[in-house]
N, C-alpha and C. Protein backbone atom coordinates (compact mmCIF):
# COMPACT_ATOMS: atom_id res chain seq x y z
N UNK A 1 179.16 66.44 77.12
CA UNK A 1 178.98 66.95 78.44
C UNK A 1 178.21 65.91 79.26
N UNK A 2 178.70 65.57 80.42
CA UNK A 2 178.06 64.54 81.24
C UNK A 2 177.24 65.18 82.35
N UNK A 3 176.22 64.43 82.76
CA UNK A 3 175.35 64.89 83.85
C UNK A 3 176.10 64.77 85.18
N UNK A 4 175.82 65.65 86.13
CA UNK A 4 176.44 65.49 87.44
C UNK A 4 175.85 64.27 88.14
N UNK A 5 176.68 63.55 88.87
CA UNK A 5 176.22 62.35 89.58
C UNK A 5 175.43 62.76 90.81
N UNK A 6 174.30 62.07 91.06
CA UNK A 6 173.53 62.40 92.25
C UNK A 6 174.29 61.97 93.51
N UNK A 7 174.06 62.66 94.59
CA UNK A 7 174.69 62.33 95.86
C UNK A 7 173.87 61.21 96.52
N UNK A 8 174.19 59.95 96.20
CA UNK A 8 173.43 58.82 96.70
C UNK A 8 173.54 58.67 98.21
N UNK A 9 174.70 58.97 98.75
CA UNK A 9 174.87 58.85 100.20
C UNK A 9 173.87 59.77 100.92
N UNK A 10 173.72 60.99 100.46
CA UNK A 10 172.79 61.93 101.09
C UNK A 10 171.35 61.47 100.93
N UNK A 11 171.03 60.79 99.84
CA UNK A 11 169.67 60.32 99.59
C UNK A 11 169.28 59.19 100.54
N UNK A 12 170.23 58.33 100.93
CA UNK A 12 169.90 57.15 101.70
C UNK A 12 170.27 57.24 103.18
N UNK A 13 170.98 58.24 103.59
CA UNK A 13 171.32 58.39 104.99
C UNK A 13 170.14 58.99 105.74
N UNK A 14 169.96 58.53 106.97
CA UNK A 14 168.89 59.08 107.81
C UNK A 14 169.27 60.50 108.22
N UNK A 15 168.33 61.40 108.22
CA UNK A 15 168.64 62.77 108.63
C UNK A 15 168.97 62.82 110.12
N UNK A 16 169.71 63.81 110.50
CA UNK A 16 170.07 64.01 111.90
C UNK A 16 168.80 64.27 112.70
N UNK A 17 168.64 63.60 113.85
CA UNK A 17 167.44 63.88 114.66
C UNK A 17 167.48 65.30 115.19
N UNK A 18 166.35 65.96 115.10
CA UNK A 18 166.22 67.34 115.55
C UNK A 18 165.35 67.36 116.80
N UNK A 19 165.66 68.23 117.71
CA UNK A 19 164.85 68.38 118.91
C UNK A 19 163.52 69.01 118.51
N UNK A 20 162.41 68.46 119.07
CA UNK A 20 161.08 69.00 118.77
C UNK A 20 160.82 70.21 119.63
N UNK A 21 160.15 71.22 119.09
CA UNK A 21 159.81 72.37 119.91
C UNK A 21 158.84 71.97 121.02
N UNK A 22 158.83 72.69 122.11
CA UNK A 22 157.99 72.36 123.26
C UNK A 22 156.51 72.32 122.88
N UNK A 23 156.09 73.19 121.96
CA UNK A 23 154.68 73.21 121.57
C UNK A 23 154.28 71.92 120.87
N UNK A 24 155.19 71.29 120.14
CA UNK A 24 154.88 70.05 119.45
C UNK A 24 154.76 68.90 120.44
N UNK A 25 155.45 68.97 121.55
CA UNK A 25 155.39 67.90 122.53
C UNK A 25 154.06 67.90 123.28
N UNK A 26 153.42 69.04 123.38
CA UNK A 26 152.16 69.14 124.11
C UNK A 26 150.97 68.65 123.28
N UNK A 27 151.13 68.50 121.99
CA UNK A 27 150.04 68.08 121.11
C UNK A 27 149.83 66.59 121.25
N UNK A 28 148.56 66.16 121.29
CA UNK A 28 148.28 64.73 121.40
C UNK A 28 148.65 64.04 120.09
N UNK A 29 148.92 62.73 120.15
CA UNK A 29 149.31 62.01 118.94
C UNK A 29 148.23 62.06 117.87
N UNK A 30 148.65 61.91 116.63
CA UNK A 30 147.71 61.95 115.52
C UNK A 30 146.67 60.85 115.71
N UNK A 31 145.44 61.19 115.45
CA UNK A 31 144.36 60.21 115.55
C UNK A 31 143.75 60.13 116.94
N UNK A 32 144.42 60.66 117.95
CA UNK A 32 143.88 60.63 119.31
C UNK A 32 142.82 61.71 119.44
N UNK A 33 141.67 61.32 120.00
CA UNK A 33 140.58 62.27 120.17
C UNK A 33 140.32 62.50 121.64
N UNK A 34 139.91 63.71 121.96
CA UNK A 34 139.54 64.02 123.33
C UNK A 34 138.16 63.42 123.56
N UNK A 35 138.00 62.70 124.66
CA UNK A 35 136.73 62.06 124.97
C UNK A 35 135.75 63.10 125.49
N UNK A 36 134.76 63.44 124.68
CA UNK A 36 133.80 64.46 125.08
C UNK A 36 132.73 63.91 126.01
N UNK A 37 132.60 62.59 126.10
CA UNK A 37 131.62 61.95 126.97
C UNK A 37 132.31 60.81 127.72
N UNK A 38 133.17 61.13 128.70
CA UNK A 38 133.90 60.06 129.39
C UNK A 38 132.94 59.13 130.13
N UNK A 39 133.23 57.85 130.06
CA UNK A 39 132.42 56.85 130.75
C UNK A 39 131.11 56.52 130.04
N UNK A 40 130.95 57.00 128.82
CA UNK A 40 129.71 56.74 128.08
C UNK A 40 130.03 56.10 126.74
N UNK A 41 129.06 55.35 126.22
CA UNK A 41 129.22 54.68 124.93
C UNK A 41 128.17 55.23 123.95
N UNK A 42 128.56 55.38 122.69
CA UNK A 42 127.59 55.85 121.70
C UNK A 42 126.61 54.74 121.32
N UNK A 43 125.38 55.13 121.01
CA UNK A 43 124.35 54.19 120.58
C UNK A 43 123.68 54.77 119.34
N UNK A 44 123.59 53.97 118.31
CA UNK A 44 122.91 54.40 117.09
C UNK A 44 121.53 53.75 117.07
N UNK A 45 120.50 54.58 116.97
CA UNK A 45 119.14 54.06 116.87
C UNK A 45 118.48 54.65 115.63
N UNK A 46 117.50 53.97 115.13
CA UNK A 46 116.74 54.45 113.98
C UNK A 46 115.32 54.73 114.45
N UNK A 47 114.90 55.98 114.32
CA UNK A 47 113.55 56.38 114.72
C UNK A 47 112.91 57.10 113.54
N UNK A 48 111.58 57.17 113.54
CA UNK A 48 110.91 57.89 112.45
C UNK A 48 111.37 59.34 112.38
N UNK A 49 111.41 59.86 111.16
CA UNK A 49 111.86 61.24 110.94
C UNK A 49 111.04 62.24 111.75
N UNK A 50 109.74 62.03 111.81
CA UNK A 50 108.88 62.97 112.53
C UNK A 50 109.21 62.97 114.03
N UNK A 51 109.51 61.80 114.57
CA UNK A 51 109.87 61.71 115.99
C UNK A 51 111.19 62.45 116.24
N UNK A 52 112.15 62.26 115.35
CA UNK A 52 113.44 62.92 115.49
C UNK A 52 113.27 64.44 115.42
N UNK A 53 112.43 64.87 114.49
CA UNK A 53 112.18 66.31 114.32
C UNK A 53 111.56 66.89 115.59
N UNK A 54 110.57 66.19 116.16
CA UNK A 54 109.91 66.67 117.37
C UNK A 54 110.87 66.66 118.57
N UNK A 55 111.69 65.64 118.69
CA UNK A 55 112.66 65.58 119.79
C UNK A 55 113.68 66.71 119.68
N UNK A 56 114.13 66.96 118.46
CA UNK A 56 115.09 68.05 118.24
C UNK A 56 114.48 69.40 118.59
N UNK A 57 113.23 69.60 118.18
CA UNK A 57 112.53 70.85 118.48
C UNK A 57 112.37 71.01 119.99
N UNK A 58 111.97 69.94 120.67
CA UNK A 58 111.81 69.97 122.11
C UNK A 58 113.14 70.29 122.80
N UNK A 59 114.20 69.70 122.33
CA UNK A 59 115.53 69.95 122.90
C UNK A 59 115.91 71.42 122.76
N UNK A 60 115.63 72.00 121.60
CA UNK A 60 115.94 73.42 121.39
C UNK A 60 115.08 74.32 122.26
N UNK A 61 113.78 74.01 122.34
CA UNK A 61 112.87 74.82 123.14
C UNK A 61 113.23 74.80 124.62
N UNK A 62 113.58 73.62 125.12
CA UNK A 62 113.88 73.47 126.55
C UNK A 62 115.35 73.75 126.87
N UNK A 63 116.16 73.89 125.84
CA UNK A 63 117.59 74.13 126.07
C UNK A 63 118.30 72.93 126.67
N UNK A 64 117.82 71.74 126.36
CA UNK A 64 118.41 70.50 126.87
C UNK A 64 118.96 69.72 125.68
N UNK A 65 120.17 69.22 125.77
CA UNK A 65 120.71 68.43 124.65
C UNK A 65 119.87 67.18 124.39
N UNK A 66 119.74 66.83 123.14
CA UNK A 66 118.98 65.64 122.75
C UNK A 66 119.53 64.39 123.45
N UNK A 67 120.82 64.34 123.64
CA UNK A 67 121.45 63.21 124.35
C UNK A 67 120.88 63.10 125.76
N UNK A 68 120.74 64.22 126.44
CA UNK A 68 120.24 64.22 127.81
C UNK A 68 118.78 63.77 127.88
N UNK A 69 117.98 64.22 126.93
CA UNK A 69 116.57 63.79 126.88
C UNK A 69 116.50 62.29 126.67
N UNK A 70 117.28 61.79 125.73
CA UNK A 70 117.27 60.35 125.42
C UNK A 70 117.74 59.55 126.62
N UNK A 71 118.80 60.02 127.28
CA UNK A 71 119.32 59.30 128.46
C UNK A 71 118.28 59.24 129.56
N UNK A 72 117.56 60.35 129.79
CA UNK A 72 116.51 60.36 130.82
C UNK A 72 115.41 59.35 130.51
N UNK A 73 114.99 59.31 129.24
CA UNK A 73 113.92 58.37 128.85
C UNK A 73 114.38 56.92 128.99
N UNK A 74 115.61 56.64 128.60
CA UNK A 74 116.13 55.28 128.74
C UNK A 74 116.29 54.89 130.21
N UNK A 75 116.72 55.85 131.03
CA UNK A 75 116.86 55.59 132.47
C UNK A 75 115.49 55.24 133.07
N UNK A 76 114.46 56.02 132.74
CA UNK A 76 113.11 55.75 133.23
C UNK A 76 112.65 54.36 132.81
N UNK A 77 112.89 53.99 131.57
CA UNK A 77 112.48 52.69 131.06
C UNK A 77 113.19 51.57 131.82
N UNK A 78 114.50 51.71 132.02
CA UNK A 78 115.25 50.67 132.72
C UNK A 78 114.79 50.52 134.17
N UNK A 79 114.54 51.62 134.85
CA UNK A 79 114.08 51.56 136.24
C UNK A 79 112.71 50.90 136.30
N UNK A 80 111.83 51.25 135.35
CA UNK A 80 110.50 50.64 135.28
C UNK A 80 110.59 49.13 135.10
N UNK A 81 111.61 48.67 134.37
CA UNK A 81 111.80 47.24 134.12
C UNK A 81 112.56 46.54 135.24
N UNK A 82 112.91 47.29 136.30
CA UNK A 82 113.54 46.67 137.46
C UNK A 82 115.03 46.89 137.60
N UNK A 83 115.63 47.62 136.70
CA UNK A 83 117.07 47.91 136.77
C UNK A 83 117.25 49.18 137.60
N UNK A 84 117.03 49.03 138.94
CA UNK A 84 117.01 50.20 139.81
C UNK A 84 118.37 50.86 139.99
N UNK A 85 119.44 50.21 139.61
CA UNK A 85 120.78 50.84 139.72
C UNK A 85 120.87 52.05 138.81
N UNK A 86 119.92 52.20 137.89
CA UNK A 86 119.94 53.34 136.98
C UNK A 86 119.04 54.49 137.44
N UNK A 87 118.45 54.34 138.63
CA UNK A 87 117.57 55.42 139.11
C UNK A 87 118.40 56.68 139.36
N UNK A 88 117.76 57.82 139.17
CA UNK A 88 118.46 59.11 139.33
C UNK A 88 118.99 59.23 140.76
N UNK A 89 120.16 59.81 140.86
CA UNK A 89 120.80 59.93 142.19
C UNK A 89 120.53 61.27 142.78
């Protein structure tokens, strides 16, 4: 008894292109992320653990994101050093 021969043509032919559903067309491409902070760049800094803990606590108490607190402090520093284009508008 012999084995049935595999259908090689079906294995190597490209499948018929299928129309994508409308919902699939609305999805952004794989790997694309929505920019949650447009016009801004991330900065990694290393600070003492106790300082981070206190800043986080202050952010929670005041209801202000840690990013906003940090941005305000950096803006004040830059203005103090003469970079007045960063003064609050």
